[in-house]
N, C-alpha and C. Protein backbone atom coordinates (compact mmCIF):
# COMPACT_ATOMS: atom_id res chain seq x y z
N MET A 1 13.45 37.53 10.79
CA MET A 1 13.89 37.12 9.76
C MET A 1 15.20 35.33 10.33
N LYS A 2 15.96 36.24 11.07
CA LYS A 2 17.02 35.59 11.66
C LYS A 2 16.38 34.02 12.78
N ALA A 3 15.33 35.07 13.09
CA ALA A 3 14.91 33.28 14.16
C ALA A 3 14.52 32.28 13.29
N LEU A 4 13.69 32.48 11.82
CA LEU A 4 13.78 31.92 11.22
C LEU A 4 14.18 31.33 10.49
N ALA A 5 15.57 31.41 10.48
CA ALA A 5 16.41 30.70 10.13
C ALA A 5 17.26 29.46 10.54
N VAL A 6 16.99 29.99 11.92
CA VAL A 6 18.03 29.46 13.19
C VAL A 6 17.04 28.69 13.67
N ILE A 7 15.07 28.52 13.49
CA ILE A 7 14.57 27.28 13.49
C ILE A 7 14.63 26.14 12.08
N LEU A 8 15.14 26.63 11.00
CA LEU A 8 15.12 25.50 10.32
C LEU A 8 16.20 25.22 10.40
N ALA A 9 17.68 26.29 10.80
CA ALA A 9 18.95 25.26 10.65
C ALA A 9 18.53 24.05 11.81
N LEU A 10 18.15 24.36 12.48
CA LEU A 10 17.88 23.30 14.17
C LEU A 10 16.84 22.10 13.93
N LEU A 11 16.18 22.02 12.68
CA LEU A 11 14.75 20.54 12.10
C LEU A 11 15.86 19.70 11.75
N PRO A 12 17.20 19.89 11.34
CA PRO A 12 17.62 18.39 11.00
C PRO A 12 17.95 17.87 12.30
N VAL A 13 18.44 18.75 12.93
CA VAL A 13 19.82 18.11 14.31
C VAL A 13 18.04 17.65 15.26
N ALA A 14 17.28 18.16 15.37
CA ALA A 14 15.43 17.59 16.51
C ALA A 14 15.71 16.67 16.01
N ALA A 15 15.88 16.16 14.55
CA ALA A 15 14.60 14.84 14.18
C ALA A 15 15.71 14.29 14.69
N SER A 16 17.12 14.58 14.17
CA SER A 16 18.02 13.11 14.19
C SER A 16 18.48 13.21 16.12
N ALA A 17 17.88 13.91 16.95
CA ALA A 17 17.78 13.46 18.08
C ALA A 17 16.97 12.44 18.22
N GLN A 18 15.38 12.25 17.69
CA GLN A 18 15.09 11.52 18.18
C GLN A 18 15.64 10.06 18.47
N SER A 19 14.71 9.15 19.33
CA SER A 19 15.53 7.65 19.84
C SER A 19 14.74 6.66 18.27
N LEU A 20 15.27 5.82 18.01
CA LEU A 20 14.84 4.83 17.23
C LEU A 20 13.73 4.43 17.29
N ALA A 21 13.02 4.29 18.38
CA ALA A 21 11.95 3.83 18.04
C ALA A 21 10.42 4.54 17.99
N GLU A 22 10.98 6.12 18.49
CA GLU A 22 10.12 7.21 18.13
C GLU A 22 9.81 7.54 16.72
N ARG A 23 11.63 7.33 16.37
CA ARG A 23 11.27 7.30 14.44
C ARG A 23 10.39 5.90 14.19
N LEU A 24 10.52 4.59 14.81
CA LEU A 24 9.57 3.92 13.94
C LEU A 24 7.78 4.30 14.17
N ALA A 25 7.83 4.72 15.53
CA ALA A 25 6.87 4.81 16.02
C ALA A 25 5.90 5.09 15.01
N SER A 26 5.96 6.27 13.50
CA SER A 26 5.46 6.64 13.30
C SER A 26 6.05 6.04 11.81
N ALA A 27 6.77 5.01 11.58
CA ALA A 27 7.04 4.33 10.23
C ALA A 27 5.94 3.64 9.48
N PRO A 28 5.70 3.91 8.40
CA PRO A 28 4.56 2.81 8.22
C PRO A 28 4.85 0.97 7.84
N GLU A 29 4.33 0.52 8.59
CA GLU A 29 3.93 -0.77 8.30
C GLU A 29 4.25 -1.46 7.43
N ILE A 30 4.84 -2.87 7.37
CA ILE A 30 4.84 -3.86 6.30
C ILE A 30 3.55 -4.22 6.35
N SER A 31 3.22 -4.62 5.33
CA SER A 31 1.91 -5.61 4.77
C SER A 31 1.53 -7.35 4.95
N PHE A 32 1.12 -7.72 5.12
CA PHE A 32 1.52 -9.20 4.84
C PHE A 32 1.70 -9.63 3.13
N SER A 33 1.04 -9.40 2.74
CA SER A 33 1.38 -9.46 1.03
C SER A 33 3.20 -8.94 0.76
N GLU A 34 3.88 -8.17 2.26
CA GLU A 34 4.52 -7.75 1.52
C GLU A 34 5.96 -8.11 1.45
N TRP A 35 4.93 -8.57 2.73
CA TRP A 35 6.23 -9.52 3.51
C TRP A 35 6.66 -10.56 2.84
N ARG A 36 5.63 -11.65 2.44
CA ARG A 36 5.22 -12.48 2.27
C ARG A 36 6.20 -13.03 0.94
N ASP A 37 6.12 -11.61 0.34
CA ASP A 37 7.09 -11.20 -1.06
C ASP A 37 8.77 -11.62 -0.70
N LEU A 38 8.12 -10.79 0.01
CA LEU A 38 10.39 -10.58 0.36
C LEU A 38 10.50 -11.68 0.79
N THR A 39 9.90 -12.53 1.72
CA THR A 39 10.78 -13.82 2.70
C THR A 39 10.16 -14.96 2.21
N ALA A 40 9.36 -14.96 1.02
CA ALA A 40 9.04 -17.08 0.22
C ALA A 40 10.13 -17.60 -0.67
N GLY A 41 10.80 -18.38 0.81
CA GLY A 41 11.35 -19.77 0.41
C GLY A 41 13.07 -18.43 0.58
N LYS A 42 13.14 -17.24 1.66
CA LYS A 42 14.07 -16.82 1.76
C LYS A 42 14.64 -17.06 2.83
N THR A 43 15.49 -17.02 3.27
CA THR A 43 16.21 -16.78 4.82
C THR A 43 16.52 -15.03 5.38
N VAL A 44 16.32 -14.09 6.36
CA VAL A 44 15.76 -13.47 6.58
C VAL A 44 16.99 -13.43 7.94
N VAL A 45 18.15 -12.91 8.40
CA VAL A 45 19.01 -12.40 9.10
C VAL A 45 18.43 -11.27 9.51
N TYR A 46 18.77 -11.44 11.09
CA TYR A 46 18.05 -10.18 12.36
C TYR A 46 19.15 -9.87 12.79
N GLN A 47 18.77 -8.62 13.37
CA GLN A 47 20.66 -8.47 14.27
C GLN A 47 19.44 -7.51 16.20
N ILE A 48 20.50 -7.15 16.91
CA ILE A 48 19.80 -7.00 17.55
C ILE A 48 21.41 -6.03 18.14
N ASP A 49 20.96 -5.17 18.40
CA ASP A 49 22.32 -3.83 18.82
C ASP A 49 22.92 -4.34 18.19
N GLY A 50 23.46 -4.28 16.91
CA GLY A 50 24.55 -4.93 15.77
C GLY A 50 24.97 -5.60 16.06
N GLU A 51 23.79 -6.76 16.22
CA GLU A 51 24.42 -8.20 17.01
C GLU A 51 22.97 -9.11 16.05
N THR A 52 24.41 -10.58 15.60
CA THR A 52 22.85 -11.07 14.83
C THR A 52 22.63 -12.09 15.91
N TYR A 53 21.48 -11.28 15.81
CA TYR A 53 20.68 -12.69 16.23
C TYR A 53 19.62 -14.19 16.03
N GLY A 54 19.53 -14.04 15.08
CA GLY A 54 19.51 -15.43 14.34
C GLY A 54 18.66 -15.45 12.68
N PHE A 55 18.62 -16.62 12.38
CA PHE A 55 18.70 -16.90 10.84
C PHE A 55 16.63 -17.01 10.71
N GLU A 56 16.29 -16.92 9.70
CA GLU A 56 15.15 -17.01 10.00
C GLU A 56 14.61 -17.89 8.32
N ARG A 57 14.10 -19.04 8.66
CA ARG A 57 13.90 -18.88 7.01
C ARG A 57 12.76 -19.41 6.30
N TYR A 58 11.60 -18.55 5.47
CA TYR A 58 9.95 -19.04 5.30
C TYR A 58 10.57 -20.05 4.20
N THR A 59 9.61 -21.30 4.56
CA THR A 59 9.76 -22.22 3.55
C THR A 59 8.20 -22.02 3.25
N ALA A 60 7.77 -23.54 3.24
CA ALA A 60 5.47 -23.12 3.10
C ALA A 60 5.70 -22.66 3.44
N PRO A 61 4.23 -21.64 2.76
CA PRO A 61 3.21 -20.77 3.09
C PRO A 61 2.76 -21.15 4.98
N GLY A 62 2.74 -20.15 5.42
CA GLY A 62 3.12 -20.24 7.39
C GLY A 62 3.97 -21.17 7.79
N LYS A 63 5.12 -21.30 7.35
CA LYS A 63 6.21 -21.87 7.89
C LYS A 63 6.47 -21.35 8.16
N VAL A 64 8.13 -21.50 9.00
CA VAL A 64 8.68 -20.58 9.53
C VAL A 64 10.20 -21.32 10.64
N SER A 65 11.50 -21.28 9.80
CA SER A 65 12.19 -22.07 10.71
C SER A 65 13.05 -20.86 11.96
N ILE A 66 13.48 -21.45 12.80
CA ILE A 66 14.80 -20.46 12.92
C ILE A 66 16.08 -20.80 13.30
N ARG A 67 16.88 -20.52 13.08
CA ARG A 67 18.67 -20.92 13.90
C ARG A 67 19.05 -19.42 14.83
N LEU A 68 18.76 -19.94 15.52
CA LEU A 68 20.07 -18.56 16.72
C LEU A 68 21.02 -19.15 16.70
N THR A 69 21.85 -17.89 17.19
CA THR A 69 23.12 -18.16 16.81
C THR A 69 23.98 -18.72 17.99
N ASP A 70 23.57 -19.95 18.51
CA ASP A 70 24.11 -20.86 19.10
C ASP A 70 24.35 -22.20 17.94
N GLY A 71 23.36 -22.14 17.37
CA GLY A 71 23.04 -22.93 15.92
C GLY A 71 21.48 -23.69 16.45
N THR A 72 20.97 -23.17 17.39
CA THR A 72 19.64 -24.67 17.68
C THR A 72 18.28 -23.18 16.37
N CYS A 73 18.14 -24.56 16.06
CA CYS A 73 16.57 -24.86 15.03
C CYS A 73 15.58 -24.79 15.81
N ILE A 74 14.54 -23.97 15.78
CA ILE A 74 13.15 -23.66 16.06
C ILE A 74 12.45 -23.77 15.01
N ASP A 75 11.23 -24.56 14.63
CA ASP A 75 9.89 -24.77 13.34
C ASP A 75 9.06 -24.28 14.06
N GLY A 76 8.04 -23.15 13.51
CA GLY A 76 7.63 -23.05 13.81
C GLY A 76 6.29 -22.27 12.90
N THR A 77 5.36 -21.70 12.87
CA THR A 77 4.32 -21.48 11.82
C THR A 77 4.03 -19.80 12.43
N TRP A 78 3.42 -19.03 10.95
CA TRP A 78 3.74 -17.11 11.55
C TRP A 78 1.90 -17.05 10.48
N TYR A 79 1.03 -16.09 11.31
CA TYR A 79 0.42 -15.97 10.32
C TYR A 79 -0.36 -14.23 10.86
N MET A 80 -1.40 -13.70 10.38
CA MET A 80 -1.23 -12.07 10.73
C MET A 80 -2.29 -12.10 11.13
N ASP A 81 -2.56 -11.72 12.98
CA ASP A 81 -3.47 -11.33 13.37
C ASP A 81 -4.10 -9.85 13.44
N GLN A 82 -4.85 -9.90 12.55
CA GLN A 82 -4.65 -8.21 12.12
C GLN A 82 -3.47 -7.15 11.55
N ASN A 83 -3.02 -6.61 11.82
CA ASN A 83 -1.77 -5.59 11.84
C ASN A 83 -1.01 -6.46 12.30
N SER A 84 -1.00 -7.33 12.39
CA SER A 84 0.69 -7.89 13.82
C SER A 84 0.86 -9.14 12.87
N PHE A 85 2.49 -9.42 12.81
CA PHE A 85 2.84 -10.69 12.81
C PHE A 85 3.18 -11.79 13.77
N CYS A 86 2.29 -13.07 13.96
CA CYS A 86 2.76 -13.65 15.00
C CYS A 86 3.42 -14.99 14.32
N PHE A 87 4.43 -15.47 15.67
CA PHE A 87 5.16 -16.32 15.33
C PHE A 87 4.94 -17.51 16.16
N ASP A 88 4.05 -18.62 16.15
CA ASP A 88 3.88 -19.43 17.17
C ASP A 88 4.72 -20.71 16.79
N TRP A 89 6.03 -20.81 18.15
CA TRP A 89 7.47 -21.22 17.48
C TRP A 89 7.07 -22.84 18.50
N GLN A 90 7.08 -23.76 17.89
CA GLN A 90 7.18 -25.28 18.32
C GLN A 90 7.48 -25.34 20.10
N ASP A 91 6.76 -26.01 21.27
CA ASP A 91 7.27 -25.45 22.77
C ASP A 91 7.87 -24.53 23.33
N GLY A 92 7.10 -23.36 22.34
CA GLY A 92 7.53 -21.62 23.45
C GLY A 92 5.94 -21.17 23.09
N PRO A 93 6.83 -19.70 23.42
CA PRO A 93 5.72 -18.90 23.68
C PRO A 93 5.17 -18.06 22.38
N LEU A 94 3.73 -17.73 22.00
CA LEU A 94 3.45 -17.36 20.70
C LEU A 94 4.39 -15.97 21.15
N ASN A 95 4.15 -15.40 19.47
CA ASN A 95 5.22 -13.88 19.38
C ASN A 95 5.02 -13.17 18.83
N CYS A 96 4.83 -12.38 18.82
CA CYS A 96 4.16 -11.05 17.93
C CYS A 96 4.69 -9.59 17.96
N PHE A 97 4.72 -9.26 16.70
CA PHE A 97 5.47 -8.05 16.03
C PHE A 97 5.19 -7.45 15.44
N HIS A 98 5.04 -6.18 14.77
CA HIS A 98 4.91 -4.98 13.56
C HIS A 98 6.32 -4.73 12.81
N HIS A 99 6.29 -4.99 12.13
CA HIS A 99 6.87 -4.78 10.96
C HIS A 99 6.88 -3.45 10.49
N LYS A 100 7.87 -2.65 10.25
CA LYS A 100 7.97 -1.49 9.66
C LYS A 100 9.56 -1.12 8.86
N ARG A 101 8.76 -0.11 8.00
CA ARG A 101 9.94 0.18 6.63
C ARG A 101 10.83 1.94 7.70
N LEU A 102 11.44 1.61 7.86
CA LEU A 102 12.04 3.48 8.37
C LEU A 102 13.39 3.31 6.92
N ASP A 103 13.26 4.57 5.88
CA ASP A 103 13.66 4.87 5.12
C ASP A 103 14.24 3.60 4.59
N SER A 104 15.74 2.96 4.49
CA SER A 104 15.74 2.20 3.60
C SER A 104 15.58 0.73 4.08
N GLU A 105 15.83 0.11 5.07
CA GLU A 105 15.75 -0.07 6.69
C GLU A 105 14.47 -0.96 7.33
N ILE A 106 14.00 -1.95 7.12
CA ILE A 106 13.08 -3.32 8.20
C ILE A 106 13.52 -3.06 9.44
N TYR A 107 12.17 -3.15 10.24
CA TYR A 107 12.72 -3.22 11.21
C TYR A 107 12.28 -4.09 12.30
N VAL A 108 11.74 -4.94 12.95
CA VAL A 108 10.97 -5.60 13.73
C VAL A 108 10.26 -5.48 15.47
N ILE A 109 9.70 -4.65 15.87
CA ILE A 109 9.31 -4.14 17.32
C ILE A 109 8.48 -5.16 17.17
N GLY A 110 8.95 -6.07 18.56
CA GLY A 110 8.62 -6.63 19.63
C GLY A 110 6.58 -6.12 20.22
N LEU A 111 6.02 -6.94 20.31
CA LEU A 111 4.37 -6.45 21.14
C LEU A 111 4.42 -7.10 22.49
N ASP A 112 3.49 -6.94 23.44
CA ASP A 112 3.20 -6.69 24.29
C ASP A 112 2.23 -6.26 24.18
N ASN A 113 0.77 -7.49 24.11
CA ASN A 113 -0.55 -7.45 24.52
C ASN A 113 -0.78 -5.69 23.16
N GLY A 114 -0.59 -6.42 22.36
CA GLY A 114 -0.80 -5.23 20.54
C GLY A 114 0.46 -3.87 20.87
N VAL A 115 0.61 -3.84 22.26
CA VAL A 115 1.60 -1.95 22.57
C VAL A 115 2.87 -3.08 21.91
N GLU A 116 4.16 -1.59 21.34
CA GLU A 116 5.09 -2.14 21.69
C GLU A 116 5.64 -1.86 22.10
N THR A 117 7.10 -2.74 22.02
CA THR A 117 8.13 -2.62 22.99
C THR A 117 9.00 -1.97 22.59
N ALA A 118 10.66 -2.32 23.71
CA ALA A 118 11.72 -1.53 23.34
C ALA A 118 12.48 -3.01 22.76
N ASP A 119 11.92 -3.99 21.95
CA ASP A 119 12.46 -4.98 21.68
C ASP A 119 13.04 -4.66 19.99
N ILE A 120 13.85 -3.83 19.49
CA ILE A 120 13.93 -4.09 18.50
C ILE A 120 14.97 -4.77 17.72
N GLN A 121 14.28 -5.64 16.80
CA GLN A 121 14.95 -6.02 16.05
C GLN A 121 15.55 -5.53 14.31
N LYS A 122 16.58 -5.78 13.36
CA LYS A 122 17.00 -4.97 12.71
C LYS A 122 17.12 -6.19 11.50
N VAL A 123 16.34 -6.48 10.72
CA VAL A 123 17.31 -7.25 8.84
C VAL A 123 18.16 -6.33 8.56
N SER A 124 19.06 -7.57 8.25
CA SER A 124 20.42 -7.29 8.08
C SER A 124 20.87 -7.62 6.69
N ARG A 125 19.59 -8.79 6.35
CA ARG A 125 19.65 -9.30 4.74
C ARG A 125 18.34 -10.31 4.65
N ILE A 126 18.11 -9.82 3.32
CA ILE A 126 16.86 -11.15 2.99
C ILE A 126 17.60 -11.76 2.28
N ALA A 127 17.44 -12.99 1.89
CA ALA A 127 18.84 -13.56 0.82
C ALA A 127 18.17 -15.57 0.36
N ASN A 128 18.88 -15.40 -0.39
CA ASN A 128 18.36 -17.08 -1.20
C ASN A 128 19.41 -17.88 -0.74
N ILE A 129 19.16 -17.80 1.00
CA ILE A 129 20.66 -18.68 1.94
C ILE A 129 19.61 -20.05 2.12
N PRO A 130 20.84 -21.22 2.27
CA PRO A 130 19.77 -21.83 3.40
C PRO A 130 20.28 -21.80 4.34
N LEU A 131 19.14 -22.51 5.38
CA LEU A 131 19.48 -22.96 7.27
C LEU A 131 20.06 -24.16 7.52
N ALA A 132 21.29 -23.09 8.17
CA ALA A 132 22.05 -24.64 8.30
C ALA A 132 22.31 -25.07 10.11
N CYS A 133 21.77 -26.18 10.65
CA CYS A 133 21.24 -25.76 12.47
C CYS A 133 22.45 -26.61 12.40
N GLY A 134 23.30 -26.46 14.23
CA GLY A 134 23.81 -27.18 14.75
C GLY A 134 24.89 -26.29 14.44
N PRO A 135 25.69 -25.94 15.64
CA PRO A 135 26.99 -25.37 16.12
C PRO A 135 28.17 -25.21 14.46
N ALA A 136 27.89 -23.60 14.04
CA ALA A 136 29.11 -23.84 12.95
C ALA A 136 30.36 -23.91 13.01
N LEU A 137 30.97 -24.88 12.29
CA LEU A 137 32.30 -25.36 12.03
C LEU A 137 33.35 -24.17 12.11
N LEU A 138 33.10 -22.90 11.56
CA LEU A 138 34.19 -22.05 12.33
C LEU A 138 33.73 -20.60 12.83
N SER A 139 34.13 -20.06 13.97
CA SER A 139 33.79 -19.25 14.10
C SER A 139 33.56 -17.39 14.13
N ALA A 140 33.73 -18.03 13.10
CA ALA A 140 33.41 -16.88 11.28
C ALA A 140 31.76 -16.95 10.90
N TYR A 141 31.37 -18.11 11.13
CA TYR A 141 29.92 -18.33 10.02
C TYR A 141 29.65 -17.48 10.10
N GLN A 142 28.58 -17.38 9.24
CA GLN A 142 27.31 -16.97 8.92
C GLN A 142 26.76 -17.16 8.09
N PRO A 143 25.37 -17.28 7.43
CA PRO A 143 25.12 -17.55 5.91
C PRO A 143 24.79 -16.54 5.70
């Protein structure tokens, strides 16, 4: 009986010891319709390793623009390829991702030939804010 109590006591520790990538491997994917409903006409703010990476604005159906932290904006289109979200950026390579929900957070996992990579972005915010291109006027500016 004591052995069972010890095993049960260690379960939360073992679960928390899993890496984010391991936990995301079994996390549910976000569907096309859910992502469209979450993002239509809004801006998504992404982080990598806790640092803001970019601001992505979903405009007309299938149209998207991203503002990188240096102020550069790139236009593109997005679509679903089976269960992958694919972004075809102007003058850039095609990028595909899985969008997953883990607890109350949304993560975006990069794909290489359909296989998940270590490229993990966290959605820190989805808001009805404008997308301003060009360098920020203030060093702490974040829409």
